Amino acid sequence: MVGTVVSDRMDKTVVVLIERTVKHPLYKKYIKRRARYSAHDESNSCGMGDLVQIAESRPLSKTKRWRVTQILEKAV
């Protein structure tokens, strides 16, 4: 999944915001759905606003079940 880093304050952990659009079943309008995932960043290389790709992994802590696989775009 691809998303934006919204927090990098923790050590070796980033919070990634994933946005997707879904069609409402009755009204047929598109709605934005957001999900926040805690992802493991081994080298602490991600920063706020970076576009990253994350992949599911084994449980690393109470809330971390994802790993950062690559940084697609660095924030300015």
Foldseek 3Di string as FASTA:
>chain_A
DKFFFADLPDDQKTKTKDWDWDADPPPRDIDIDIDIAIAGRPVSPADGGWIFDKDADPDPDPGHGIYTPDTPGHDD
